[in-house]
Amino acid sequence: MIWWENFKRHPLTPNGLSILRGALGFVIPFFTFLLHPSWHILAFIIFVFAALTDYWDGYLARKHQGVSDTGKILDPSMDKVLILVPLAAFSAHGLFSPWWLVPIFFREIAVTF
């Protein structure tokens, strides 16, 4: 179990992956505001990677018995950031009305808590 103690200090722990996912959720809108389509493709690739970290952190936490009370709150919170922040950016682009954000936001919060 010594290697697990070293693993817990590594930045790619389940909680570290959740924080990374939340940070990427704030980075994605930046690329959507750039005009060249290649930046939009990069935003999509970042989104897919961030979505995969959701699976990866859950797998690591269960496999190594690393489920924590912090992770139980952090993981769904970062999921919301990953979805709602880019969605707000799409609304700012004029792709849909900002009023669509209100029920989606409240639904996401209600499901989480």
Protein backbone atom coordinates (compact mmCIF):
# COMPACT_ATOMS: atom_id res chain seq x y z
CA MET A 1 0.00 0.00 0.00
CA ILE A 2 2.99 2.33 0.00
CA TRP A 3 2.51 3.10 -3.69
CA TRP A 4 -1.10 4.13 -2.96
CA GLU A 5 0.17 6.74 -0.50
CA ASN A 6 2.38 8.14 -3.27
CA PHE A 7 -0.53 7.90 -5.73
CA LYS A 8 -2.78 9.99 -3.47
CA ARG A 9 -0.26 12.85 -3.64
CA HIS A 10 -0.13 12.72 -7.44
CA PRO A 11 -2.14 15.45 -9.24
CA LEU A 12 -4.10 12.86 -11.23
CA THR A 13 -5.96 11.57 -8.21
CA PRO A 14 -9.74 11.40 -8.55
CA ASN A 15 -10.16 14.82 -6.89
CA GLY A 16 -7.36 16.25 -9.03
CA LEU A 17 -9.11 15.02 -12.16
CA SER A 18 -12.36 16.61 -10.98
CA ILE A 19 -10.61 19.96 -10.47
CA LEU A 20 -9.02 19.62 -13.91
CA ARG A 21 -12.46 18.98 -15.42
CA GLY A 22 -13.84 22.13 -13.80
CA ALA A 23 -10.88 24.20 -15.00
CA LEU A 24 -11.32 22.89 -18.53
CA GLY A 25 -14.99 23.86 -18.31
CA PHE A 26 -13.86 27.47 -17.94
CA VAL A 27 -11.30 27.18 -20.75
CA ILE A 28 -13.69 25.82 -23.38
CA PRO A 29 -15.73 29.05 -23.78
CA PHE A 30 -12.54 31.00 -24.46
CA PHE A 31 -11.93 28.91 -27.58
CA THR A 32 -15.54 29.21 -28.73
CA PHE A 33 -15.20 33.00 -28.88
CA LEU A 34 -12.23 32.79 -31.26
CA LEU A 35 -13.43 33.07 -34.86
CA HIS A 36 -11.41 30.47 -36.72
CA PRO A 37 -13.11 27.03 -36.90
CA SER A 38 -9.93 25.23 -35.83
CA TRP A 39 -10.33 26.80 -32.37
CA HIS A 40 -13.87 25.42 -32.20
CA ILE A 41 -12.55 21.95 -33.01
CA LEU A 42 -9.98 22.36 -30.24
CA ALA A 43 -12.78 23.35 -27.84
CA PHE A 44 -14.66 20.19 -28.80
CA ILE A 45 -11.56 18.03 -28.26
CA ILE A 46 -11.02 19.62 -24.84
CA PHE A 47 -14.67 18.98 -23.97
CA VAL A 48 -14.41 15.30 -24.94
CA PHE A 49 -11.21 14.94 -22.90
CA ALA A 50 -12.86 16.63 -19.91
CA ALA A 51 -15.89 14.36 -20.23
CA LEU A 52 -13.60 11.32 -20.23
CA THR A 53 -11.98 12.49 -16.99
CA ASP A 54 -15.40 12.09 -15.37
CA TYR A 55 -15.29 8.37 -16.11
CA TRP A 56 -11.61 8.12 -15.26
CA ASP A 57 -11.82 9.73 -11.82
CA GLY A 58 -14.76 7.53 -10.83
CA TYR A 59 -12.92 4.43 -11.99
CA LEU A 60 -9.77 5.35 -10.05
CA ALA A 61 -11.70 6.23 -6.90
CA ARG A 62 -13.58 2.93 -6.88
CA LYS A 63 -10.63 0.78 -7.91
CA HIS A 64 -8.30 2.14 -5.22
CA GLN A 65 -10.93 2.79 -2.53
CA GLY A 66 -10.25 6.51 -2.85
CA VAL A 67 -13.86 7.67 -2.54
CA SER A 68 -13.90 10.71 -0.26
CA ASP A 69 -16.50 13.09 1.13
CA THR A 70 -14.75 15.90 -0.76
CA GLY A 71 -14.97 13.93 -3.99
CA LYS A 72 -18.66 13.26 -3.46
CA ILE A 73 -19.30 17.01 -3.62
CA LEU A 74 -16.47 18.02 -5.95
CA ASP A 75 -17.25 15.55 -8.76
CA PRO A 76 -20.89 16.55 -9.43
CA SER A 77 -20.03 20.23 -8.95
CA MET A 78 -17.33 20.08 -11.61
CA ASP A 79 -19.73 18.18 -13.88
CA LYS A 80 -22.09 21.13 -13.64
CA VAL A 81 -19.28 23.58 -14.43
CA LEU A 82 -18.29 21.52 -17.47
CA ILE A 83 -21.84 21.64 -18.83
CA LEU A 84 -23.23 25.01 -17.72
CA VAL A 85 -20.29 27.33 -18.46
CA PRO A 86 -19.93 26.34 -22.14
CA LEU A 87 -23.72 26.37 -22.44
CA ALA A 88 -23.72 29.97 -21.20
CA ALA A 89 -21.06 30.79 -23.79
CA PHE A 90 -23.23 29.32 -26.55
CA SER A 91 -26.06 31.51 -25.32
CA ALA A 92 -23.75 34.54 -25.44
CA HIS A 93 -22.98 33.62 -29.05
CA GLY A 94 -26.69 33.96 -29.75
CA LEU A 95 -27.18 30.28 -30.57
CA PHE A 96 -30.22 30.20 -28.29
CA SER A 97 -32.06 32.42 -25.85
CA PRO A 98 -30.52 32.95 -22.40
CA TRP A 99 -33.89 31.95 -20.97
CA TRP A 100 -33.11 28.36 -21.92
CA LEU A 101 -30.31 28.47 -19.35
CA VAL A 102 -32.64 29.12 -16.43
CA PRO A 103 -34.55 25.80 -16.42
CA ILE A 104 -31.42 23.84 -17.36
CA PHE A 105 -29.47 25.46 -14.53
CA PHE A 106 -32.18 24.76 -11.95
CA ARG A 107 -32.64 21.20 -13.22
CA GLU A 108 -28.91 20.49 -12.93
CA ILE A 109 -28.78 21.90 -9.39
CA ALA A 110 -31.92 19.99 -8.34
CA VAL A 111 -30.59 16.71 -9.70
CA THR A 112 -27.27 17.19 -7.93
CA PHE A 113 -28.60 18.12 -4.51
